[in-house]
Amino acid sequence: FRLWMDLKAGLSPSTTQAVLELCEKGEEEFRDTYQDILSESHDV
């Protein structure tokens, strides 16, 4: 994903907008991972 960040930011006309979009995707991945962990460990 961080390699993709380099590529996308380099190709985007707005580096700031591209970086923020990638940060949002990173936050979504974080949330999804935590939710997966929670679903596996809720009762234990």
PDB file of all heavy atoms in Angstrom:
ATOM      1  N   PHE A   1       0.827  -1.203   0.000  1.00  0.00           N
ATOM      2  CA  PHE A   1       0.000   0.000   0.000  1.00  0.00           C
ATOM      3  C   PHE A   1       0.865   1.258   0.000  1.00  0.00           C
ATOM      4  O   PHE A   1       0.583   2.221  -0.706  1.00  0.00           O
ATOM      5  CB  PHE A   1      -0.950  -0.006   1.207  1.00  0.00           C
ATOM      6  CG  PHE A   1      -1.883   1.170   1.236  1.00  0.00           C
ATOM      7  CD1 PHE A   1      -2.948   1.252   0.352  1.00  0.00           C
ATOM      8  CD2 PHE A   1      -1.706   2.192   2.152  1.00  0.00           C
ATOM      9  CE1 PHE A   1      -3.809   2.337   0.369  1.00  0.00           C
ATOM     10  CE2 PHE A   1      -2.558   3.279   2.181  1.00  0.00           C
ATOM     11  CZ  PHE A   1      -3.621   3.350   1.286  1.00  0.00           C
ATOM     12  N   ARG A   2       1.945   1.258   0.759  1.00  0.00           N
ATOM     13  CA  ARG A   2       2.815   2.432   0.787  1.00  0.00           C
ATOM     14  C   ARG A   2       3.535   2.636  -0.550  1.00  0.00           C
ATOM     15  O   ARG A   2       3.775   3.761  -0.970  1.00  0.00           O
ATOM     16  CB  ARG A   2       3.779   2.344   1.967  1.00  0.00           C
ATOM     17  CG  ARG A   2       3.045   2.627   3.283  1.00  0.00           C
ATOM     18  CD  ARG A   2       3.962   2.648   4.474  1.00  0.00           C
ATOM     19  NE  ARG A   2       4.571   1.359   4.772  1.00  0.00           N
ATOM     20  CZ  ARG A   2       3.943   0.341   5.343  1.00  0.00           C
ATOM     21  NH1 ARG A   2       2.686   0.443   5.675  1.00  0.00           N
ATOM     22  NH2 ARG A   2       4.579  -0.782   5.595  1.00  0.00           N
ATOM     23  N   LEU A   3       3.848   1.551  -1.255  1.00  0.00           N
ATOM     24  CA  LEU A   3       4.395   1.684  -2.613  1.00  0.00           C
ATOM     25  C   LEU A   3       3.348   2.324  -3.531  1.00  0.00           C
ATOM     26  O   LEU A   3       3.668   3.177  -4.361  1.00  0.00           O
ATOM     27  CB  LEU A   3       4.836   0.325  -3.160  1.00  0.00           C
ATOM     28  CG  LEU A   3       6.099  -0.263  -2.568  1.00  0.00           C
ATOM     29  CD1 LEU A   3       6.295  -1.702  -3.042  1.00  0.00           C
ATOM     30  CD2 LEU A   3       7.307   0.586  -2.924  1.00  0.00           C
ATOM     31  N   TRP A   4       2.105   1.892  -3.385  1.00  0.00           N
ATOM     32  CA  TRP A   4       1.007   2.471  -4.160  1.00  0.00           C
ATOM     33  C   TRP A   4       0.847   3.955  -3.822  1.00  0.00           C
ATOM     34  O   TRP A   4       0.550   4.770  -4.693  1.00  0.00           O
ATOM     35  CB  TRP A   4      -0.280   1.693  -3.889  1.00  0.00           C
ATOM     36  CG  TRP A   4      -1.502   2.313  -4.484  1.00  0.00           C
ATOM     37  CD1 TRP A   4      -2.579   2.794  -3.813  1.00  0.00           C
ATOM     38  CD2 TRP A   4      -1.783   2.535  -5.875  1.00  0.00           C
ATOM     39  NE1 TRP A   4      -3.503   3.296  -4.690  1.00  0.00           N
ATOM     40  CE2 TRP A   4      -3.035   3.143  -5.970  1.00  0.00           C
ATOM     41  CE3 TRP A   4      -1.076   2.272  -7.044  1.00  0.00           C
ATOM     42  CZ2 TRP A   4      -3.615   3.511  -7.171  1.00  0.00           C
ATOM     43  CZ3 TRP A   4      -1.662   2.634  -8.256  1.00  0.00           C
ATOM     44  CH2 TRP A   4      -2.904   3.231  -8.307  1.00  0.00           C
ATOM     45  N   MET A   5       1.068   4.328  -2.561  1.00  0.00           N
ATOM     46  CA  MET A   5       0.982   5.735  -2.164  1.00  0.00           C
ATOM     47  C   MET A   5       1.983   6.561  -2.968  1.00  0.00           C
ATOM     48  O   MET A   5       1.649   7.636  -3.468  1.00  0.00           O
ATOM     49  CB  MET A   5       1.271   5.909  -0.666  1.00  0.00           C
ATOM     50  CG  MET A   5       0.166   5.456   0.248  1.00  0.00           C
ATOM     51  SD  MET A   5       0.603   5.627   2.007  1.00  0.00           S
ATOM     52  CE  MET A   5       0.371   7.403   2.242  1.00  0.00           C
ATOM     53  N   ASP A   6       3.207   6.071  -3.075  1.00  0.00           N
ATOM     54  CA  ASP A   6       4.235   6.773  -3.852  1.00  0.00           C
ATOM     55  C   ASP A   6       3.788   6.975  -5.293  1.00  0.00           C
ATOM     56  O   ASP A   6       3.893   8.070  -5.843  1.00  0.00           O
ATOM     57  CB  ASP A   6       5.548   5.975  -3.864  1.00  0.00           C
ATOM     58  CG  ASP A   6       6.399   6.212  -2.647  1.00  0.00           C
ATOM     59  OD1 ASP A   6       6.337   7.309  -2.069  1.00  0.00           O
ATOM     60  OD2 ASP A   6       7.150   5.291  -2.271  1.00  0.00           O
ATOM     61  N   LEU A   7       3.309   5.900  -5.897  1.00  0.00           N
ATOM     62  CA  LEU A   7       2.897   5.945  -7.292  1.00  0.00           C
ATOM     63  C   LEU A   7       1.720   6.888  -7.499  1.00  0.00           C
ATOM     64  O   LEU A   7       1.748   7.759  -8.369  1.00  0.00           O
ATOM     65  CB  LEU A   7       2.544   4.538  -7.782  1.00  0.00           C
ATOM     66  CG  LEU A   7       2.117   4.414  -9.231  1.00  0.00           C
ATOM     67  CD1 LEU A   7       3.239   4.836 -10.160  1.00  0.00           C
ATOM     68  CD2 LEU A   7       1.694   2.989  -9.527  1.00  0.00           C
ATOM     69  N   LYS A   8       0.692   6.729  -6.690  1.00  0.00           N
ATOM     70  CA  LYS A   8      -0.513   7.544  -6.851  1.00  0.00           C
ATOM     71  C   LYS A   8      -0.215   9.025  -6.618  1.00  0.00           C
ATOM     72  O   LYS A   8      -0.677   9.886  -7.365  1.00  0.00           O
ATOM     73  CB  LYS A   8      -1.609   7.077  -5.906  1.00  0.00           C
ATOM     74  CG  LYS A   8      -2.857   7.908  -6.029  1.00  0.00           C
ATOM     75  CD  LYS A   8      -4.078   7.167  -5.665  1.00  0.00           C
ATOM     76  CE  LYS A   8      -5.244   8.098  -5.805  1.00  0.00           C
ATOM     77  NZ  LYS A   8      -6.365   7.540  -6.429  1.00  0.00           N
ATOM     78  N   ALA A   9       0.540   9.337  -5.590  1.00  0.00           N
ATOM     79  CA  ALA A   9       0.866  10.735  -5.300  1.00  0.00           C
ATOM     80  C   ALA A   9       1.700  11.337  -6.428  1.00  0.00           C
ATOM     81  O   ALA A   9       1.539  12.507  -6.770  1.00  0.00           O
ATOM     82  CB  ALA A   9       1.606  10.848  -3.973  1.00  0.00           C
ATOM     83  N   GLY A  10       2.557  10.536  -7.031  1.00  0.00           N
ATOM     84  CA  GLY A  10       3.391  11.030  -8.120  1.00  0.00           C
ATOM     85  C   GLY A  10       2.617  11.290  -9.393  1.00  0.00           C
ATOM     86  O   GLY A  10       2.984  12.154 -10.189  1.00  0.00           O
ATOM     87  N   LEU A  11       1.533  10.577  -9.598  1.00  0.00           N
ATOM     88  CA  LEU A  11       0.746  10.719 -10.817  1.00  0.00           C
ATOM     89  C   LEU A  11      -0.428  11.682 -10.687  1.00  0.00           C
ATOM     90  O   LEU A  11      -1.001  12.091 -11.687  1.00  0.00           O
ATOM     91  CB  LEU A  11       0.207   9.345 -11.259  1.00  0.00           C
ATOM     92  CG  LEU A  11       1.256   8.314 -11.644  1.00  0.00           C
ATOM     93  CD1 LEU A  11       0.591   6.977 -11.939  1.00  0.00           C
ATOM     94  CD2 LEU A  11       2.061   8.780 -12.845  1.00  0.00           C
ATOM     95  N   SER A  12      -0.762  12.042  -9.474  1.00  0.00           N
ATOM     96  CA  SER A  12      -1.941  12.879  -9.241  1.00  0.00           C
ATOM     97  C   SER A  12      -1.631  14.352  -9.473  1.00  0.00           C
ATOM     98  O   SER A  12      -0.565  14.836  -9.104  1.00  0.00           O
ATOM     99  CB  SER A  12      -2.429  12.674  -7.809  1.00  0.00           C
ATOM    100  OG  SER A  12      -3.512  13.519  -7.542  1.00  0.00           O
ATOM    101  N   PRO A  13      -2.590  15.096 -10.055  1.00  0.00           N
ATOM    102  CA  PRO A  13      -2.379  16.536 -10.223  1.00  0.00           C
ATOM    103  C   PRO A  13      -2.373  17.264  -8.874  1.00  0.00           C
ATOM    104  O   PRO A  13      -1.770  18.319  -8.750  1.00  0.00           O
ATOM    105  CB  PRO A  13      -3.556  16.983 -11.087  1.00  0.00           C
ATOM    106  CG  PRO A  13      -4.556  15.897 -11.017  1.00  0.00           C
ATOM    107  CD  PRO A  13      -3.833  14.648 -10.645  1.00  0.00           C
ATOM    108  N   SER A  14      -3.037  16.708  -7.877  1.00  0.00           N
ATOM    109  CA  SER A  14      -3.045  17.299  -6.541  1.00  0.00           C
ATOM    110  C   SER A  14      -2.479  16.289  -5.555  1.00  0.00           C
ATOM    111  O   SER A  14      -3.156  15.348  -5.148  1.00  0.00           O
ATOM    112  CB  SER A  14      -4.468  17.689  -6.112  1.00  0.00           C
ATOM    113  OG  SER A  14      -4.471  18.036  -4.740  1.00  0.00           O
ATOM    114  N   THR A  15      -1.236  16.498  -5.172  1.00  0.00           N
ATOM    115  CA  THR A  15      -0.585  15.579  -4.248  1.00  0.00           C
ATOM    116  C   THR A  15      -1.337  15.529  -2.930  1.00  0.00           C
ATOM    117  O   THR A  15      -1.575  14.449  -2.383  1.00  0.00           O
ATOM    118  CB  THR A  15       0.876  15.997  -4.001  1.00  0.00           C
ATOM    119  OG1 THR A  15       1.558  16.024  -5.244  1.00  0.00           O
ATOM    120  CG2 THR A  15       1.568  15.047  -3.050  1.00  0.00           C
ATOM    121  N   THR A  16      -1.745  16.686  -2.418  1.00  0.00           N
ATOM    122  CA  THR A  16      -2.449  16.725  -1.136  1.00  0.00           C
ATOM    123  C   THR A  16      -3.729  15.911  -1.191  1.00  0.00           C
ATOM    124  O   THR A  16      -4.004  15.105  -0.300  1.00  0.00           O
ATOM    125  CB  THR A  16      -2.757  18.180  -0.728  1.00  0.00           C
ATOM    126  OG1 THR A  16      -1.521  18.889  -0.622  1.00  0.00           O
ATOM    127  CG2 THR A  16      -3.500  18.237   0.593  1.00  0.00           C
ATOM    128  N   GLN A  17      -4.514  16.103  -2.242  1.00  0.00           N
ATOM    129  CA  GLN A  17      -5.777  15.372  -2.369  1.00  0.00           C
ATOM    130  C   GLN A  17      -5.520  13.864  -2.480  1.00  0.00           C
ATOM    131  O   GLN A  17      -6.217  13.063  -1.868  1.00  0.00           O
ATOM    132  CB  GLN A  17      -6.565  15.886  -3.579  1.00  0.00           C
ATOM    133  CG  GLN A  17      -8.014  15.494  -3.573  1.00  0.00           C
ATOM    134  CD  GLN A  17      -8.809  16.090  -2.406  1.00  0.00           C
ATOM    135  OE1 GLN A  17      -8.426  17.074  -1.795  1.00  0.00           O
ATOM    136  NE2 GLN A  17      -9.902  15.461  -2.082  1.00  0.00           N
ATOM    137  N   ALA A  18      -4.519  13.485  -3.250  1.00  0.00           N
ATOM    138  CA  ALA A  18      -4.190  12.066  -3.410  1.00  0.00           C
ATOM    139  C   ALA A  18      -3.738  11.464  -2.086  1.00  0.00           C
ATOM    140  O   ALA A  18      -4.146  10.353  -1.732  1.00  0.00           O
ATOM    141  CB  ALA A  18      -3.103  11.892  -4.469  1.00  0.00           C
ATOM    142  N   VAL A  19      -2.917  12.185  -1.347  1.00  0.00           N
ATOM    143  CA  VAL A  19      -2.427  11.685  -0.061  1.00  0.00           C
ATOM    144  C   VAL A  19      -3.587  11.539   0.924  1.00  0.00           C
ATOM    145  O   VAL A  19      -3.687  10.538   1.635  1.00  0.00           O
ATOM    146  CB  VAL A  19      -1.314  12.598   0.497  1.00  0.00           C
ATOM    147  CG1 VAL A  19      -0.998  12.272   1.946  1.00  0.00           C
ATOM    148  CG2 VAL A  19      -0.053  12.477  -0.360  1.00  0.00           C
ATOM    149  N   LEU A  20      -4.480  12.516   0.955  1.00  0.00           N
ATOM    150  CA  LEU A  20      -5.631  12.423   1.863  1.00  0.00           C
ATOM    151  C   LEU A  20      -6.532  11.242   1.493  1.00  0.00           C
ATOM    152  O   LEU A  20      -7.039  10.543   2.370  1.00  0.00           O
ATOM    153  CB  LEU A  20      -6.431  13.724   1.857  1.00  0.00           C
ATOM    154  CG  LEU A  20      -5.759  14.891   2.575  1.00  0.00           C
ATOM    155  CD1 LEU A  20      -6.510  16.186   2.307  1.00  0.00           C
ATOM    156  CD2 LEU A  20      -5.654  14.632   4.066  1.00  0.00           C
ATOM    157  N   GLU A  21      -6.699  11.012   0.200  1.00  0.00           N
ATOM    158  CA  GLU A  21      -7.493   9.868  -0.240  1.00  0.00           C
ATOM    159  C   GLU A  21      -6.849   8.563   0.226  1.00  0.00           C
ATOM    160  O   GLU A  21      -7.530   7.644   0.700  1.00  0.00           O
ATOM    161  CB  GLU A  21      -7.622   9.881  -1.763  1.00  0.00           C
ATOM    162  CG  GLU A  21      -8.444   8.750  -2.324  1.00  0.00           C
ATOM    163  CD  GLU A  21      -8.519   8.806  -3.842  1.00  0.00           C
ATOM    164  OE1 GLU A  21      -8.629   9.902  -4.408  1.00  0.00           O
ATOM    165  OE2 GLU A  21      -8.458   7.710  -4.450  1.00  0.00           O
ATOM    166  N   LEU A  22      -5.544   8.478   0.101  1.00  0.00           N
ATOM    167  CA  LEU A  22      -4.832   7.286   0.540  1.00  0.00           C
ATOM    168  C   LEU A  22      -4.878   7.122   2.059  1.00  0.00           C
ATOM    169  O   LEU A  22      -5.008   6.010   2.562  1.00  0.00           O
ATOM    170  CB  LEU A  22      -3.392   7.329   0.040  1.00  0.00           C
ATOM    171  CG  LEU A  22      -3.265   7.184  -1.479  1.00  0.00           C
ATOM    172  CD1 LEU A  22      -1.896   7.645  -1.953  1.00  0.00           C
ATOM    173  CD2 LEU A  22      -3.535   5.752  -1.899  1.00  0.00           C
ATOM    174  N   CYS A  23      -4.809   8.232   2.779  1.00  0.00           N
ATOM    175  CA  CYS A  23      -4.922   8.169   4.238  1.00  0.00           C
ATOM    176  C   CYS A  23      -6.301   7.662   4.643  1.00  0.00           C
ATOM    177  O   CYS A  23      -6.428   6.873   5.588  1.00  0.00           O
ATOM    178  CB  CYS A  23      -4.661   9.536   4.861  1.00  0.00           C
ATOM    179  SG  CYS A  23      -2.929  10.053   4.783  1.00  0.00           S
ATOM    180  N   GLU A  24      -7.311   8.098   3.922  1.00  0.00           N
ATOM    181  CA  GLU A  24      -8.659   7.609   4.210  1.00  0.00           C
ATOM    182  C   GLU A  24      -8.753   6.102   3.986  1.00  0.00           C
ATOM    183  O   GLU A  24      -9.330   5.369   4.800  1.00  0.00           O
ATOM    184  CB  GLU A  24      -9.686   8.334   3.341  1.00  0.00           C
ATOM    185  CG  GLU A  24     -11.102   7.933   3.656  1.00  0.00           C
ATOM    186  CD  GLU A  24     -12.131   8.642   2.815  1.00  0.00           C
ATOM    187  OE1 GLU A  24     -11.805   9.608   2.097  1.00  0.00           O
ATOM    188  OE2 GLU A  24     -13.295   8.200   2.872  1.00  0.00           O
ATOM    189  N   LYS A  25      -8.173   5.622   2.914  1.00  0.00           N
ATOM    190  CA  LYS A  25      -8.166   4.173   2.649  1.00  0.00           C
ATOM    191  C   LYS A  25      -7.401   3.424   3.747  1.00  0.00           C
ATOM    192  O   LYS A  25      -7.806   2.336   4.160  1.00  0.00           O
ATOM    193  CB  LYS A  25      -7.580   3.882   1.280  1.00  0.00           C
ATOM    194  CG  LYS A  25      -8.491   4.303   0.142  1.00  0.00           C
ATOM    195  CD  LYS A  25      -8.026   3.772  -1.174  1.00  0.00           C
ATOM    196  CE  LYS A  25      -8.853   4.258  -2.335  1.00  0.00           C
ATOM    197  NZ  LYS A  25     -10.277   4.199  -2.184  1.00  0.00           N
ATOM    198  N   GLY A  26      -6.327   4.009   4.209  1.00  0.00           N
ATOM    199  CA  GLY A  26      -5.578   3.405   5.308  1.00  0.00           C
ATOM    200  C   GLY A  26      -6.403   3.328   6.584  1.00  0.00           C
ATOM    201  O   GLY A  26      -6.369   2.325   7.306  1.00  0.00           O
ATOM    202  N   GLU A  27      -7.164   4.381   6.860  1.00  0.00           N
ATOM    203  CA  GLU A  27      -8.041   4.378   8.032  1.00  0.00           C
ATOM    204  C   GLU A  27      -9.123   3.306   7.898  1.00  0.00           C
ATOM    205  O   GLU A  27      -9.485   2.647   8.873  1.00  0.00           O
ATOM    206  CB  GLU A  27      -8.679   5.750   8.250  1.00  0.00           C
ATOM    207  CG  GLU A  27      -7.720   6.831   8.706  1.00  0.00           C
ATOM    208  CD  GLU A  27      -7.151   6.615  10.101  1.00  0.00           C
ATOM    209  OE1 GLU A  27      -7.682   5.792  10.886  1.00  0.00           O
ATOM    210  OE2 GLU A  27      -6.146   7.266  10.421  1.00  0.00           O
ATOM    211  N   GLU A  28      -9.624   3.117   6.685  1.00  0.00           N
ATOM    212  CA  GLU A  28     -10.637   2.078   6.457  1.00  0.00           C
ATOM    213  C   GLU A  28     -10.046   0.688   6.675  1.00  0.00           C
ATOM    214  O   GLU A  28     -10.700  -0.187   7.261  1.00  0.00           O
ATOM    215  CB  GLU A  28     -11.231   2.215   5.051  1.00  0.00           C
ATOM    216  CG  GLU A  28     -12.092   3.443   4.904  1.00  0.00           C
ATOM    217  CD  GLU A  28     -12.437   3.800   3.469  1.00  0.00           C
ATOM    218  OE1 GLU A  28     -11.957   3.123   2.529  1.00  0.00           O
ATOM    219  OE2 GLU A  28     -13.179   4.776   3.288  1.00  0.00           O
ATOM    220  N   GLU A  29      -8.818   0.483   6.238  1.00  0.00           N
ATOM    221  CA  GLU A  29      -8.151  -0.804   6.445  1.00  0.00           C
ATOM    222  C   GLU A  29      -7.933  -1.059   7.940  1.00  0.00           C
ATOM    223  O   GLU A  29      -8.127  -2.172   8.425  1.00  0.00           O
ATOM    224  CB  GLU A  29      -6.817  -0.847   5.688  1.00  0.00           C
ATOM    225  CG  GLU A  29      -6.075  -2.149   5.818  1.00  0.00           C
ATOM    226  CD  GLU A  29      -6.814  -3.339   5.213  1.00  0.00           C
ATOM    227  OE1 GLU A  29      -7.601  -3.159   4.268  1.00  0.00           O
ATOM    228  OE2 GLU A  29      -6.599  -4.450   5.723  1.00  0.00           O
ATOM    229  N   PHE A  30      -7.531  -0.016   8.654  1.00  0.00           N
ATOM    230  CA  PHE A  30      -7.348  -0.124  10.101  1.00  0.00           C
ATOM    231  C   PHE A  30      -8.661  -0.541  10.757  1.00  0.00           C
ATOM    232  O   PHE A  30      -8.706  -1.495  11.537  1.00  0.00           O
ATOM    233  CB  PHE A  30      -6.881   1.224  10.666  1.00  0.00           C
ATOM    234  CG  PHE A  30      -6.649   1.223  12.146  1.00  0.00           C
ATOM    235  CD1 PHE A  30      -5.382   1.013  12.652  1.00  0.00           C
ATOM    236  CD2 PHE A  30      -7.691   1.446  13.039  1.00  0.00           C
ATOM    237  CE1 PHE A  30      -5.158   1.027  14.028  1.00  0.00           C
ATOM    238  CE2 PHE A  30      -7.479   1.446  14.405  1.00  0.00           C
ATOM    239  CZ  PHE A  30      -6.208   1.235  14.909  1.00  0.00           C
ATOM    240  N   ARG A  31      -9.736   0.168  10.429  1.00  0.00           N
ATOM    241  CA  ARG A  31     -11.055  -0.127  11.000  1.00  0.00           C
ATOM    242  C   ARG A  31     -11.475  -1.565  10.689  1.00  0.00           C
ATOM    243  O   ARG A  31     -11.913  -2.299  11.579  1.00  0.00           O
ATOM    244  CB  ARG A  31     -12.089   0.849  10.446  1.00  0.00           C
ATOM    245  CG  ARG A  31     -13.521   0.582  10.930  1.00  0.00           C
ATOM    246  CD  ARG A  31     -14.551   1.205  10.023  1.00  0.00           C
ATOM    247  NE  ARG A  31     -14.420   0.651   8.676  1.00  0.00           N
ATOM    248  CZ  ARG A  31     -14.670   1.346   7.570  1.00  0.00           C
ATOM    249  NH1 ARG A  31     -15.037   2.597   7.629  1.00  0.00           N
ATOM    250  NH2 ARG A  31     -14.537   0.764   6.389  1.00  0.00           N
ATOM    251  N   ASP A  32     -11.323  -1.966   9.434  1.00  0.00           N
ATOM    252  CA  ASP A  32     -11.732  -3.314   9.031  1.00  0.00           C
ATOM    253  C   ASP A  32     -10.938  -4.387   9.771  1.00  0.00           C
ATOM    254  O   ASP A  32     -11.495  -5.412  10.185  1.00  0.00           O
ATOM    255  CB  ASP A  32     -11.587  -3.491   7.520  1.00  0.00           C
ATOM    256  CG  ASP A  32     -12.553  -2.624   6.720  1.00  0.00           C
ATOM    257  OD1 ASP A  32     -13.507  -2.053   7.316  1.00  0.00           O
ATOM    258  OD2 ASP A  32     -12.343  -2.508   5.503  1.00  0.00           O
ATOM    259  N   THR A  33      -9.654  -4.168   9.952  1.00  0.00           N
ATOM    260  CA  THR A  33      -8.818  -5.131  10.667  1.00  0.00           C
ATOM    261  C   THR A  33      -9.258  -5.237  12.124  1.00  0.00           C
ATOM    262  O   THR A  33      -9.410  -6.338  12.659  1.00  0.00           O
ATOM    263  CB  THR A  33      -7.328  -4.746  10.580  1.00  0.00           C
ATOM    264  OG1 THR A  33      -6.944  -4.738   9.205  1.00  0.00           O
ATOM    265  CG2 THR A  33      -6.457  -5.713  11.364  1.00  0.00           C
ATOM    266  N   TYR A  34      -9.465  -4.089  12.766  1.00  0.00           N
ATOM    267  CA  TYR A  34      -9.923  -4.115  14.159  1.00  0.00           C
ATOM    268  C   TYR A  34     -11.283  -4.807  14.260  1.00  0.00           C
ATOM    269  O   TYR A  34     -11.522  -5.586  15.179  1.00  0.00           O
ATOM    270  CB  TYR A  34     -10.004  -2.690  14.705  1.00  0.00           C
ATOM    271  CG  TYR A  34      -8.837  -2.278  15.582  1.00  0.00           C
ATOM    272  CD1 TYR A  34      -7.522  -2.497  15.206  1.00  0.00           C
ATOM    273  CD2 TYR A  34      -9.061  -1.646  16.800  1.00  0.00           C
ATOM    274  CE1 TYR A  34      -6.470  -2.102  16.004  1.00  0.00           C
ATOM    275  CE2 TYR A  34      -8.017  -1.247  17.608  1.00  0.00           C
ATOM    276  CZ  TYR A  34      -6.718  -1.476  17.210  1.00  0.00           C
ATOM    277  OH  TYR A  34      -5.672  -1.081  18.020  1.00  0.00           O
ATOM    278  N   GLN A  35     -12.188  -4.536  13.333  1.00  0.00           N
ATOM    279  CA  GLN A  35     -13.507  -5.165  13.377  1.00  0.00           C
ATOM    280  C   GLN A  35     -13.394  -6.682  13.196  1.00  0.00           C
ATOM    281  O   GLN A  35     -14.102  -7.438  13.863  1.00  0.00           O
ATOM    282  CB  GLN A  35     -14.446  -4.545  12.347  1.00  0.00           C
ATOM    283  CG  GLN A  35     -14.892  -3.159  12.747  1.00  0.00           C
ATOM    284  CD  GLN A  35     -15.732  -2.454  11.691  1.00  0.00           C
ATOM    285  OE1 GLN A  35     -15.730  -2.822  10.516  1.00  0.00           O
ATOM    286  NE2 GLN A  35     -16.429  -1.421  12.119  1.00  0.00           N
ATOM    287  N   ASP A  36     -12.498  -7.124  12.317  1.00  0.00           N
ATOM    288  CA  ASP A  36     -12.260  -8.563  12.154  1.00  0.00           C
ATOM    289  C   ASP A  36     -11.739  -9.177  13.455  1.00  0.00           C
ATOM    290  O   ASP A  36     -12.191 -10.251  13.875  1.00  0.00           O
ATOM    291  CB  ASP A  36     -11.262  -8.839  11.030  1.00  0.00           C
ATOM    292  CG  ASP A  36     -11.822  -8.595   9.643  1.00  0.00           C
ATOM    293  OD1 ASP A  36     -13.057  -8.453   9.504  1.00  0.00           O
ATOM    294  OD2 ASP A  36     -11.018  -8.528   8.702  1.00  0.00           O
ATOM    295  N   ILE A  37     -10.800  -8.505  14.065  1.00  0.00           N
ATOM    296  CA  ILE A  37     -10.239  -8.998  15.327  1.00  0.00           C
ATOM    297  C   ILE A  37     -11.335  -9.069  16.386  1.00  0.00           C
ATOM    298  O   ILE A  37     -11.442 -10.055  17.119  1.00  0.00           O
ATOM    299  CB  ILE A  37      -9.074  -8.101  15.801  1.00  0.00           C
ATOM    300  CG1 ILE A  37      -7.880  -8.210  14.846  1.00  0.00           C
ATOM    301  CG2 ILE A  37      -8.666  -8.465  17.227  1.00  0.00           C
ATOM    302  CD1 ILE A  37      -6.808  -7.169  15.088  1.00  0.00           C
ATOM    303  N   LEU A  38     -12.149  -8.032  16.460  1.00  0.00           N
ATOM    304  CA  LEU A  38     -13.224  -8.006  17.458  1.00  0.00           C
ATOM    305  C   LEU A  38     -14.223  -9.131  17.242  1.00  0.00           C
ATOM    306  O   LEU A  38     -14.685  -9.758  18.203  1.00  0.00           O
ATOM    307  CB  LEU A  38     -13.932  -6.646  17.437  1.00  0.00           C
ATOM    308  CG  LEU A  38     -13.146  -5.512  18.083  1.00  0.00           C
ATOM    309  CD1 LEU A  38     -13.764  -4.167  17.745  1.00  0.00           C
ATOM    310  CD2 LEU A  38     -13.074  -5.701  19.592  1.00  0.00           C
ATOM    311  N   SER A  39     -14.552  -9.403  15.996  1.00  0.00           N
ATOM    312  CA  SER A  39     -15.525 -10.470  15.728  1.00  0.00           C
ATOM    313  C   SER A  39     -14.972 -11.840  16.125  1.00  0.00           C
ATOM    314  O   SER A  39     -15.723 -12.719  16.523  1.00  0.00           O
ATOM    315  CB  SER A  39     -15.951 -10.457  14.260  1.00  0.00           C
ATOM    316  OG  SER A  39     -14.904 -10.869  13.425  1.00  0.00           O
ATOM    317  N   GLU A  40     -13.660 -12.001  16.051  1.00  0.00           N
ATOM    318  CA  GLU A  40     -13.025 -13.269  16.408  1.00  0.00           C
ATOM    319  C   GLU A  40     -12.838 -13.432  17.915  1.00  0.00           C
ATOM    320  O   GLU A  40     -12.739 -14.547  18.406  1.00  0.00           O
ATOM    321  CB  GLU A  40     -11.650 -13.376  15.746  1.00  0.00           C
ATOM    322  CG  GLU A  40     -11.688 -13.433  14.251  1.00  0.00           C
ATOM    323  CD  GLU A  40     -10.316 -13.251  13.629  1.00  0.00           C
ATOM    324  OE1 GLU A  40      -9.296 -13.304  14.363  1.00  0.00           O
ATOM    325  OE2 GLU A  40     -10.259 -13.050  12.406  1.00  0.00           O
ATOM    326  N   SER A  41     -12.767 -12.331  18.643  1.00  0.00           N
ATOM    327  CA  SER A  41     -12.389 -12.418  20.053  1.00  0.00           C
ATOM    328  C   SER A  41     -13.468 -11.926  21.004  1.00  0.00           C
ATOM    329  O   SER A  41     -13.235 -11.873  22.215  1.00  0.00           O
ATOM    330  CB  SER A  41     -11.099 -11.634  20.284  1.00  0.00           C
ATOM    331  OG  SER A  41     -11.277 -10.289  19.913  1.00  0.00           O
ATOM    332  N   HIS A  42     -14.642 -11.611  20.499  1.00  0.00           N
ATOM    333  CA  HIS A  42     -15.677 -10.967  21.303  1.00  0.00           C
ATOM    334  C   HIS A  42     -16.014 -11.737  22.576  1.00  0.00           C
ATOM    335  O   HIS A  42     -16.094 -11.162  23.660  1.00  0.00           O
ATOM    336  CB  HIS A  42     -16.931 -10.727  20.459  1.00  0.00           C
ATOM    337  CG  HIS A  42     -17.972  -9.956  21.180  1.00  0.00           C
ATOM    338  ND1 HIS A  42     -17.736  -8.720  21.726  1.00  0.00           N
ATOM    339  CD2 HIS A  42     -19.266 -10.253  21.463  1.00  0.00           C
ATOM    340  CE1 HIS A  42     -18.826  -8.283  22.300  1.00  0.00           C
ATOM    341  NE2 HIS A  42     -19.782  -9.185  22.166  1.00  0.00           N
ATOM    342  N   ASP A  43     -16.235 -13.014  22.478  1.00  0.00           N
ATOM    343  CA  ASP A  43     -16.665 -13.797  23.641  1.00  0.00           C
ATOM    344  C   ASP A  43     -15.513 -14.355  24.457  1.00  0.00           C
ATOM    345  O   ASP A  43     -15.718 -14.809  25.584  1.00  0.00           O
ATOM    346  CB  ASP A  43     -17.559 -14.956  23.181  1.00  0.00           C
ATOM    347  CG  ASP A  43     -18.830 -14.469  22.532  1.00  0.00           C
ATOM    348  OD1 ASP A  43     -19.335 -13.409  22.947  1.00  0.00           O
ATOM    349  OD2 ASP A  43     -19.310 -15.133  21.598  1.00  0.00           O
ATOM    350  N   VAL A  44     -14.316 -14.314  23.922  1.00  0.00           N
ATOM    351  CA  VAL A  44     -13.195 -14.997  24.565  1.00  0.00           C
ATOM    352  C   VAL A  44     -12.317 -14.058  25.397  1.00  0.00           C
ATOM    353  O   VAL A  44     -11.868 -14.417  26.476  1.00  0.00           O
ATOM    354  CB  VAL A  44     -12.326 -15.720  23.503  1.00  0.00           C
ATOM    355  CG1 VAL A  44     -11.210 -16.508  24.156  1.00  0.00           C
ATOM    356  CG2 VAL A  44     -13.186 -16.613  22.634  1.00  0.00           C
TER     357      VAL A  44
END
